[in-house]
Amino acid sequence: MLPGRWFIRHRDNAQVKAFVTGATAAAGGALSGAVVVLTRQAVTDLPTAAIALVTLGLLLRFKIGEPWIVAAAAALGLLLHWP
């Protein structure tokens, strides 16, 4: 956030553009890796896999806020795995 004004001022500079492009790709890769690791730990059976797929479908199809999706998936998971 601190160097934001500097990046805006130098946005036409080729080196700054290359840096921002590389940083964006690195951030995307890091997020994708985290999703894979977290999914392997969280999706452990068929009901949780179904919750994950339905959630992915809802996020891709509709503009639903992530907090609502997390709350609904958590509630459904608790109902399915309640002792």
PDB file of N, CA and C in Angstrom:
ATOM      1  N   MET A   1       0.815  -1.178   0.000  1.00  0.00           N
ATOM      2  CA  MET A   1       0.000   0.000   0.000  1.00  0.00           C
ATOM      3  C   MET A   1       0.869   1.255   0.000  1.00  0.00           C
ATOM      4  N   LEU A   2       1.976   1.195   0.685  1.00  0.00           N
ATOM      5  CA  LEU A   2       2.808   2.391   0.789  1.00  0.00           C
ATOM      6  C   LEU A   2       3.374   2.858  -0.554  1.00  0.00           C
ATOM      7  N   PRO A   3       3.876   1.949  -1.388  1.00  0.00           N
ATOM      8  CA  PRO A   3       4.430   2.443  -2.657  1.00  0.00           C
ATOM      9  C   PRO A   3       3.379   2.607  -3.751  1.00  0.00           C
ATOM     10  N   GLY A   4       2.102   2.569  -3.405  1.00  0.00           N
ATOM     11  CA  GLY A   4       1.032   2.659  -4.409  1.00  0.00           C
ATOM     12  C   GLY A   4       1.109   3.904  -5.261  1.00  0.00           C
ATOM     13  N   ARG A   5       1.339   5.047  -4.645  1.00  0.00           N
ATOM     14  CA  ARG A   5       1.428   6.297  -5.410  1.00  0.00           C
ATOM     15  C   ARG A   5       2.621   6.274  -6.351  1.00  0.00           C
ATOM     16  N   TRP A   6       3.719   5.659  -5.889  1.00  0.00           N
ATOM     17  CA  TRP A   6       4.900   5.574  -6.735  1.00  0.00           C
ATOM     18  C   TRP A   6       4.599   4.728  -7.969  1.00  0.00           C
ATOM     19  N   PHE A   7       3.903   3.591  -7.770  1.00  0.00           N
ATOM     20  CA  PHE A   7       3.545   2.737  -8.901  1.00  0.00           C
ATOM     21  C   PHE A   7       2.616   3.469  -9.868  1.00  0.00           C
ATOM     22  N   ILE A   8       1.687   4.238  -9.333  1.00  0.00           N
ATOM     23  CA  ILE A   8       0.760   4.985 -10.199  1.00  0.00           C
ATOM     24  C   ILE A   8       1.523   6.032 -10.999  1.00  0.00           C
ATOM     25  N   ARG A   9       2.447   6.696 -10.350  1.00  0.00           N
ATOM     26  CA  ARG A   9       3.228   7.734 -11.030  1.00  0.00           C
ATOM     27  C   ARG A   9       4.093   7.149 -12.151  1.00  0.00           C
ATOM     28  N   HIS A  10       4.575   5.925 -11.970  1.00  0.00           N
ATOM     29  CA  HIS A  10       5.486   5.302 -12.935  1.00  0.00           C
ATOM     30  C   HIS A  10       4.825   4.143 -13.687  1.00  0.00           C
ATOM     31  N   ARG A  11       3.507   4.186 -13.844  1.00  0.00           N
ATOM     32  CA  ARG A  11       2.802   3.062 -14.466  1.00  0.00           C
ATOM     33  C   ARG A  11       3.133   2.872 -15.940  1.00  0.00           C
ATOM     34  N   ASP A  12       3.686   3.874 -16.600  1.00  0.00           N
ATOM     35  CA  ASP A  12       4.066   3.730 -18.009  1.00  0.00           C
ATOM     36  C   ASP A  12       5.475   3.177 -18.176  1.00  0.00           C
ATOM     37  N   ASN A  13       6.203   3.026 -17.097  1.00  0.00           N
ATOM     38  CA  ASN A  13       7.560   2.490 -17.136  1.00  0.00           C
ATOM     39  C   ASN A  13       7.504   0.986 -17.409  1.00  0.00           C
ATOM     40  N   ALA A  14       8.272   0.518 -18.384  1.00  0.00           N
ATOM     41  CA  ALA A  14       8.257  -0.895 -18.781  1.00  0.00           C
ATOM     42  C   ALA A  14       8.719  -1.800 -17.645  1.00  0.00           C
ATOM     43  N   GLN A  15       9.717  -1.366 -16.874  1.00  0.00           N
ATOM     44  CA  GLN A  15      10.210  -2.194 -15.772  1.00  0.00           C
ATOM     45  C   GLN A  15       9.169  -2.320 -14.664  1.00  0.00           C
ATOM     46  N   VAL A  16       8.452  -1.258 -14.387  1.00  0.00           N
ATOM     47  CA  VAL A  16       7.399  -1.311 -13.373  1.00  0.00           C
ATOM     48  C   VAL A  16       6.277  -2.221 -13.852  1.00  0.00           C
ATOM     49  N   LYS A  17       5.908  -2.122 -15.130  1.00  0.00           N
ATOM     50  CA  LYS A  17       4.872  -3.002 -15.673  1.00  0.00           C
ATOM     51  C   LYS A  17       5.290  -4.463 -15.557  1.00  0.00           C
ATOM     52  N   ALA A  18       6.552  -4.756 -15.872  1.00  0.00           N
ATOM     53  CA  ALA A  18       7.043  -6.132 -15.784  1.00  0.00           C
ATOM     54  C   ALA A  18       7.017  -6.629 -14.342  1.00  0.00           C
ATOM     55  N   PHE A  19       7.406  -5.756 -13.409  1.00  0.00           N
ATOM     56  CA  PHE A  19       7.377  -6.137 -11.997  1.00  0.00           C
ATOM     57  C   PHE A  19       5.959  -6.437 -11.537  1.00  0.00           C
ATOM     58  N   VAL A  20       5.018  -5.572 -11.878  1.00  0.00           N
ATOM     59  CA  VAL A  20       3.624  -5.762 -11.456  1.00  0.00           C
ATOM     60  C   VAL A  20       3.055  -7.029 -12.080  1.00  0.00           C
ATOM     61  N   THR A  21       3.376  -7.285 -13.331  1.00  0.00           N
ATOM     62  CA  THR A  21       2.911  -8.510 -13.988  1.00  0.00           C
ATOM     63  C   THR A  21       3.466  -9.746 -13.282  1.00  0.00           C
ATOM     64  N   GLY A  22       4.744  -9.716 -12.959  1.00  0.00           N
ATOM     65  CA  GLY A  22       5.362 -10.848 -12.262  1.00  0.00           C
ATOM     66  C   GLY A  22       4.811 -11.033 -10.858  1.00  0.00           C
ATOM     67  N   ALA A  23       4.615  -9.929 -10.139  1.00  0.00           N
ATOM     68  CA  ALA A  23       4.070 -10.020  -8.786  1.00  0.00           C
ATOM     69  C   ALA A  23       2.637 -10.549  -8.805  1.00  0.00           C
ATOM     70  N   THR A  24       1.873 -10.137  -9.805  1.00  0.00           N
ATOM     71  CA  THR A  24       0.503 -10.631  -9.936  1.00  0.00           C
ATOM     72  C   THR A  24       0.493 -12.132 -10.206  1.00  0.00           C
ATOM     73  N   ALA A  25       1.360 -12.590 -11.082  1.00  0.00           N
ATOM     74  CA  ALA A  25       1.445 -14.021 -11.380  1.00  0.00           C
ATOM     75  C   ALA A  25       1.897 -14.805 -10.148  1.00  0.00           C
ATOM     76  N   ALA A  26       2.855 -14.274  -9.408  1.00  0.00           N
ATOM     77  CA  ALA A  26       3.331 -14.953  -8.202  1.00  0.00           C
ATOM     78  C   ALA A  26       2.224 -15.042  -7.155  1.00  0.00           C
ATOM     79  N   ALA A  27       1.466 -13.973  -6.987  1.00  0.00           N
ATOM     80  CA  ALA A  27       0.366 -13.991  -6.022  1.00  0.00           C
ATOM     81  C   ALA A  27      -0.695 -15.002  -6.438  1.00  0.00           C
ATOM     82  N   GLY A  28      -1.009 -15.056  -7.727  1.00  0.00           N
ATOM     83  CA  GLY A  28      -1.975 -16.043  -8.219  1.00  0.00           C
ATOM     84  C   GLY A  28      -1.498 -17.466  -7.989  1.00  0.00           C
ATOM     85  N   GLY A  29      -0.231 -17.706  -8.215  1.00  0.00           N
ATOM     86  CA  GLY A  29       0.332 -19.037  -7.972  1.00  0.00           C
ATOM     87  C   GLY A  29       0.311 -19.418  -6.504  1.00  0.00           C
ATOM     88  N   ALA A  30       0.632 -18.463  -5.640  1.00  0.00           N
ATOM     89  CA  ALA A  30       0.616 -18.730  -4.204  1.00  0.00           C
ATOM     90  C   ALA A  30      -0.802 -19.033  -3.722  1.00  0.00           C
ATOM     91  N   LEU A  31      -1.771 -18.277  -4.213  1.00  0.00           N
ATOM     92  CA  LEU A  31      -3.161 -18.534  -3.832  1.00  0.00           C
ATOM     93  C   LEU A  31      -3.627 -19.891  -4.343  1.00  0.00           C
ATOM     94  N   SER A  32      -3.263 -20.240  -5.563  1.00  0.00           N
ATOM     95  CA  SER A  32      -3.659 -21.546  -6.109  1.00  0.00           C
ATOM     96  C   SER A  32      -3.053 -22.687  -5.301  1.00  0.00           C
ATOM     97  N   GLY A  33      -1.801 -22.535  -4.924  1.00  0.00           N
ATOM     98  CA  GLY A  33      -1.150 -23.555  -4.099  1.00  0.00           C
ATOM     99  C   GLY A  33      -1.821 -23.699  -2.745  1.00  0.00           C
ATOM    100  N   ALA A  34      -2.201 -22.576  -2.144  1.00  0.00           N
ATOM    101  CA  ALA A  34      -2.879 -22.625  -0.852  1.00  0.00           C
ATOM    102  C   ALA A  34      -4.230 -23.311  -0.977  1.00  0.00           C
ATOM    103  N   VAL A  35      -4.941 -23.056  -2.075  1.00  0.00           N
ATOM    104  CA  VAL A  35      -6.244 -23.707  -2.291  1.00  0.00           C
ATOM    105  C   VAL A  35      -6.074 -25.213  -2.379  1.00  0.00           C
ATOM    106  N   VAL A  36      -5.049 -25.669  -3.076  1.00  0.00           N
ATOM    107  CA  VAL A  36      -4.822 -27.117  -3.204  1.00  0.00           C
ATOM    108  C   VAL A  36      -4.523 -27.733  -1.846  1.00  0.00           C
ATOM    109  N   VAL A  37      -3.644 -27.114  -1.083  1.00  0.00           N
ATOM    110  CA  VAL A  37      -3.279 -27.654   0.229  1.00  0.00           C
ATOM    111  C   VAL A  37      -4.478 -27.670   1.165  1.00  0.00           C
ATOM    112  N   LEU A  38      -5.220 -26.570   1.231  1.00  0.00           N
ATOM    113  CA  LEU A  38      -6.376 -26.505   2.121  1.00  0.00           C
ATOM    114  C   LEU A  38      -7.480 -27.459   1.692  1.00  0.00           C
ATOM    115  N   THR A  39      -7.675 -27.618   0.382  1.00  0.00           N
ATOM    116  CA  THR A  39      -8.707 -28.532  -0.107  1.00  0.00           C
ATOM    117  C   THR A  39      -8.366 -29.970   0.253  1.00  0.00           C
ATOM    118  N   ARG A  40      -7.106 -30.345   0.134  1.00  0.00           N
ATOM    119  CA  ARG A  40      -6.711 -31.715   0.496  1.00  0.00           C
ATOM    120  C   ARG A  40      -6.961 -32.006   1.965  1.00  0.00           C
ATOM    121  N   GLN A  41      -6.816 -30.990   2.799  1.00  0.00           N
ATOM    122  CA  GLN A  41      -7.025 -31.196   4.230  1.00  0.00           C
ATOM    123  C   GLN A  41      -8.493 -31.116   4.616  1.00  0.00           C
ATOM    124  N   ALA A  42      -9.277 -30.326   3.899  1.00  0.00           N
ATOM    125  CA  ALA A  42     -10.667 -30.094   4.301  1.00  0.00           C
ATOM    126  C   ALA A  42     -11.653 -31.056   3.645  1.00  0.00           C
ATOM    127  N   VAL A  43     -11.422 -31.418   2.407  1.00  0.00           N
ATOM    128  CA  VAL A  43     -12.352 -32.305   1.693  1.00  0.00           C
ATOM    129  C   VAL A  43     -11.888 -33.738   1.915  1.00  0.00           C
ATOM    130  N   THR A  44     -12.538 -34.396   2.870  1.00  0.00           N
ATOM    131  CA  THR A  44     -12.077 -35.723   3.272  1.00  0.00           C
ATOM    132  C   THR A  44     -13.069 -36.844   2.977  1.00  0.00           C
ATOM    133  N   ASP A  45     -14.308 -36.495   2.581  1.00  0.00           N
ATOM    134  CA  ASP A  45     -15.304 -37.526   2.292  1.00  0.00           C
ATOM    135  C   ASP A  45     -16.276 -36.999   1.240  1.00  0.00           C
ATOM    136  N   LEU A  46     -17.238 -37.820   0.882  1.00  0.00           N
ATOM    137  CA  LEU A  46     -18.177 -37.450  -0.172  1.00  0.00           C
ATOM    138  C   LEU A  46     -19.052 -36.240   0.176  1.00  0.00           C
ATOM    139  N   PRO A  47     -19.589 -36.134   1.393  1.00  0.00           N
ATOM    140  CA  PRO A  47     -20.399 -34.941   1.699  1.00  0.00           C
ATOM    141  C   PRO A  47     -19.606 -33.641   1.622  1.00  0.00           C
ATOM    142  N   THR A  48     -18.373 -33.637   2.106  1.00  0.00           N
ATOM    143  CA  THR A  48     -17.593 -32.404   2.020  1.00  0.00           C
ATOM    144  C   THR A  48     -17.195 -32.101   0.580  1.00  0.00           C
ATOM    145  N   ALA A  49     -16.988 -33.133  -0.224  1.00  0.00           N
ATOM    146  CA  ALA A  49     -16.718 -32.908  -1.648  1.00  0.00           C
ATOM    147  C   ALA A  49     -17.934 -32.302  -2.330  1.00  0.00           C
ATOM    148  N   ALA A  50     -19.129 -32.765  -1.961  1.00  0.00           N
ATOM    149  CA  ALA A  50     -20.354 -32.199  -2.531  1.00  0.00           C
ATOM    150  C   ALA A  50     -20.520 -30.741  -2.117  1.00  0.00           C
ATOM    151  N   ILE A  51     -20.249 -30.431  -0.853  1.00  0.00           N
ATOM    152  CA  ILE A  51     -20.325 -29.045  -0.398  1.00  0.00           C
ATOM    153  C   ILE A  51     -19.346 -28.185  -1.193  1.00  0.00           C
ATOM    154  N   ALA A  52     -18.140 -28.680  -1.395  1.00  0.00           N
ATOM    155  CA  ALA A  52     -17.126 -27.919  -2.133  1.00  0.00           C
ATOM    156  C   ALA A  52     -17.563 -27.667  -3.576  1.00  0.00           C
ATOM    157  N   LEU A  53     -18.104 -28.679  -4.230  1.00  0.00           N
ATOM    158  CA  LEU A  53     -18.520 -28.518  -5.629  1.00  0.00           C
ATOM    159  C   LEU A  53     -19.718 -27.588  -5.763  1.00  0.00           C
ATOM    160  N   VAL A  54     -20.683 -27.718  -4.860  1.00  0.00           N
ATOM    161  CA  VAL A  54     -21.850 -26.825  -4.904  1.00  0.00           C
ATOM    162  C   VAL A  54     -21.408 -25.387  -4.629  1.00  0.00           C
ATOM    163  N   THR A  55     -20.519 -25.216  -3.672  1.00  0.00           N
ATOM    164  CA  THR A  55     -20.013 -23.882  -3.361  1.00  0.00           C
ATOM    165  C   THR A  55     -19.291 -23.277  -4.549  1.00  0.00           C
ATOM    166  N   LEU A  56     -18.447 -24.049  -5.199  1.00  0.00           N
ATOM    167  CA  LEU A  56     -17.744 -23.564  -6.387  1.00  0.00           C
ATOM    168  C   LEU A  56     -18.735 -23.172  -7.467  1.00  0.00           C
ATOM    169  N   GLY A  57     -19.747 -24.003  -7.679  1.00  0.00           N
ATOM    170  CA  GLY A  57     -20.766 -23.684  -8.674  1.00  0.00           C
ATOM    171  C   GLY A  57     -21.523 -22.406  -8.353  1.00  0.00           C
ATOM    172  N   LEU A  58     -21.873 -22.221  -7.082  1.00  0.00           N
ATOM    173  CA  LEU A  58     -22.577 -21.004  -6.679  1.00  0.00           C
ATOM    174  C   LEU A  58     -21.709 -19.765  -6.880  1.00  0.00           C
ATOM    175  N   LEU A  59     -20.435 -19.870  -6.529  1.00  0.00           N
ATOM    176  CA  LEU A  59     -19.540 -18.725  -6.683  1.00  0.00           C
ATOM    177  C   LEU A  59     -19.317 -18.371  -8.152  1.00  0.00           C
ATOM    178  N   LEU A  60     -19.265 -19.388  -9.005  1.00  0.00           N
ATOM    179  CA  LEU A  60     -19.059 -19.123 -10.432  1.00  0.00           C
ATOM    180  C   LEU A  60     -20.322 -18.592 -11.106  1.00  0.00           C
ATOM    181  N   ARG A  61     -21.487 -19.007 -10.646  1.00  0.00           N
ATOM    182  CA  ARG A  61     -22.743 -18.645 -11.304  1.00  0.00           C
ATOM    183  C   ARG A  61     -23.359 -17.348 -10.786  1.00  0.00           C
ATOM    184  N   PHE A  62     -23.319 -17.146  -9.477  1.00  0.00           N
ATOM    185  CA  PHE A  62     -23.998 -16.007  -8.863  1.00  0.00           C
ATOM    186  C   PHE A  62     -23.009 -15.097  -8.154  1.00  0.00           C
ATOM    187  N   LYS A  63     -23.405 -13.870  -7.959  1.00  0.00           N
ATOM    188  CA  LYS A  63     -22.589 -12.903  -7.217  1.00  0.00           C
ATOM    189  C   LYS A  63     -22.982 -12.967  -5.739  1.00  0.00           C
ATOM    190  N   ILE A  64     -22.518 -13.998  -5.048  1.00  0.00           N
ATOM    191  CA  ILE A  64     -22.810 -14.170  -3.630  1.00  0.00           C
ATOM    192  C   ILE A  64     -21.548 -13.801  -2.858  1.00  0.00           C
ATOM    193  N   GLY A  65     -21.717 -13.049  -1.785  1.00  0.00           N
ATOM    194  CA  GLY A  65     -20.574 -12.667  -0.968  1.00  0.00           C
ATOM    195  C   GLY A  65     -19.941 -13.872  -0.290  1.00  0.00           C
ATOM    196  N   GLU A  66     -18.631 -13.863  -0.224  1.00  0.00           N
ATOM    197  CA  GLU A  66     -17.914 -14.994   0.362  1.00  0.00           C
ATOM    198  C   GLU A  66     -18.285 -15.262   1.816  1.00  0.00           C
ATOM    199  N   PRO A  67     -18.528 -14.237   2.644  1.00  0.00           N
ATOM    200  CA  PRO A  67     -18.929 -14.548   4.024  1.00  0.00           C
ATOM    201  C   PRO A  67     -20.214 -15.367   4.101  1.00  0.00           C
ATOM    202  N   TRP A  68     -21.163 -15.104   3.206  1.00  0.00           N
ATOM    203  CA  TRP A  68     -22.409 -15.881   3.198  1.00  0.00           C
ATOM    204  C   TRP A  68     -22.136 -17.326   2.791  1.00  0.00           C
ATOM    205  N   ILE A  69     -21.272 -17.510   1.807  1.00  0.00           N
ATOM    206  CA  ILE A  69     -20.921 -18.872   1.369  1.00  0.00           C
ATOM    207  C   ILE A  69     -20.226 -19.625   2.492  1.00  0.00           C
ATOM    208  N   VAL A  70     -19.288 -18.972   3.164  1.00  0.00           N
ATOM    209  CA  VAL A  70     -18.559 -19.629   4.256  1.00  0.00           C
ATOM    210  C   VAL A  70     -19.522 -20.005   5.381  1.00  0.00           C
ATOM    211  N   ALA A  71     -20.420 -19.097   5.741  1.00  0.00           N
ATOM    212  CA  ALA A  71     -21.385 -19.380   6.814  1.00  0.00           C
ATOM    213  C   ALA A  71     -22.315 -20.534   6.441  1.00  0.00           C
ATOM    214  N   ALA A  72     -22.821 -20.530   5.217  1.00  0.00           N
ATOM    215  CA  ALA A  72     -23.734 -21.597   4.788  1.00  0.00           C
ATOM    216  C   ALA A  72     -23.018 -22.942   4.716  1.00  0.00           C
ATOM    217  N   ALA A  73     -21.811 -22.959   4.169  1.00  0.00           N
ATOM    218  CA  ALA A  73     -21.053 -24.213   4.076  1.00  0.00           C
ATOM    219  C   ALA A  73     -20.682 -24.722   5.464  1.00  0.00           C
ATOM    220  N   ALA A  74     -20.342 -23.823   6.371  1.00  0.00           N
ATOM    221  CA  ALA A  74     -20.012 -24.231   7.740  1.00  0.00           C
ATOM    222  C   ALA A  74     -21.237 -24.836   8.423  1.00  0.00           C
ATOM    223  N   ALA A  75     -22.387 -24.183   8.270  1.00  0.00           N
ATOM    224  CA  ALA A  75     -23.614 -24.706   8.878  1.00  0.00           C
ATOM    225  C   ALA A  75     -23.968 -26.076   8.312  1.00  0.00           C
ATOM    226  N   LEU A  76     -23.857 -26.212   7.007  1.00  0.00           N
ATOM    227  CA  LEU A  76     -24.160 -27.513   6.379  1.00  0.00           C
ATOM    228  C   LEU A  76     -23.173 -28.581   6.831  1.00  0.00           C
ATOM    229  N   GLY A  77     -21.907 -28.230   6.911  1.00  0.00           N
ATOM    230  CA  GLY A  77     -20.909 -29.182   7.401  1.00  0.00           C
ATOM    231  C   GLY A  77     -21.167 -29.615   8.824  1.00  0.00           C
ATOM    232  N   LEU A  78     -21.552 -28.659   9.674  1.00  0.00           N
ATOM    233  CA  LEU A  78     -21.885 -29.023  11.059  1.00  0.00           C
ATOM    234  C   LEU A  78     -23.093 -29.935  11.124  1.00  0.00           C
ATOM    235  N   LEU A  79     -24.109 -29.662  10.312  1.00  0.00           N
ATOM    236  CA  LEU A  79     -25.297 -30.525  10.299  1.00  0.00           C
ATOM    237  C   LEU A  79     -24.971 -31.935   9.817  1.00  0.00           C
ATOM    238  N   LEU A  80     -24.130 -32.045   8.813  1.00  0.00           N
ATOM    239  CA  LEU A  80     -23.797 -33.355   8.255  1.00  0.00           C
ATOM    240  C   LEU A  80     -22.888 -34.163   9.173  1.00  0.00           C
ATOM    241  N   HIS A  81     -22.053 -33.486   9.945  1.00  0.00           N
ATOM    242  CA  HIS A  81     -21.063 -34.192  10.770  1.00  0.00           C
ATOM    243  C   HIS A  81     -21.354 -34.073  12.252  1.00  0.00           C
ATOM    244  N   TRP A  82     -22.577 -33.702  12.596  1.00  0.00           N
ATOM    245  CA  TRP A  82     -22.939 -33.589  14.011  1.00  0.00           C
ATOM    246  C   TRP A  82     -22.958 -34.981  14.632  1.00  0.00           C
ATOM    247  N   PRO A  83     -22.397 -35.143  15.820  1.00  0.00           N
ATOM    248  CA  PRO A  83     -22.318 -36.497  16.423  1.00  0.00           C
ATOM    249  C   PRO A  83     -23.632 -37.040  16.727  1.00  0.00           C
TER     250      PRO A  83
END
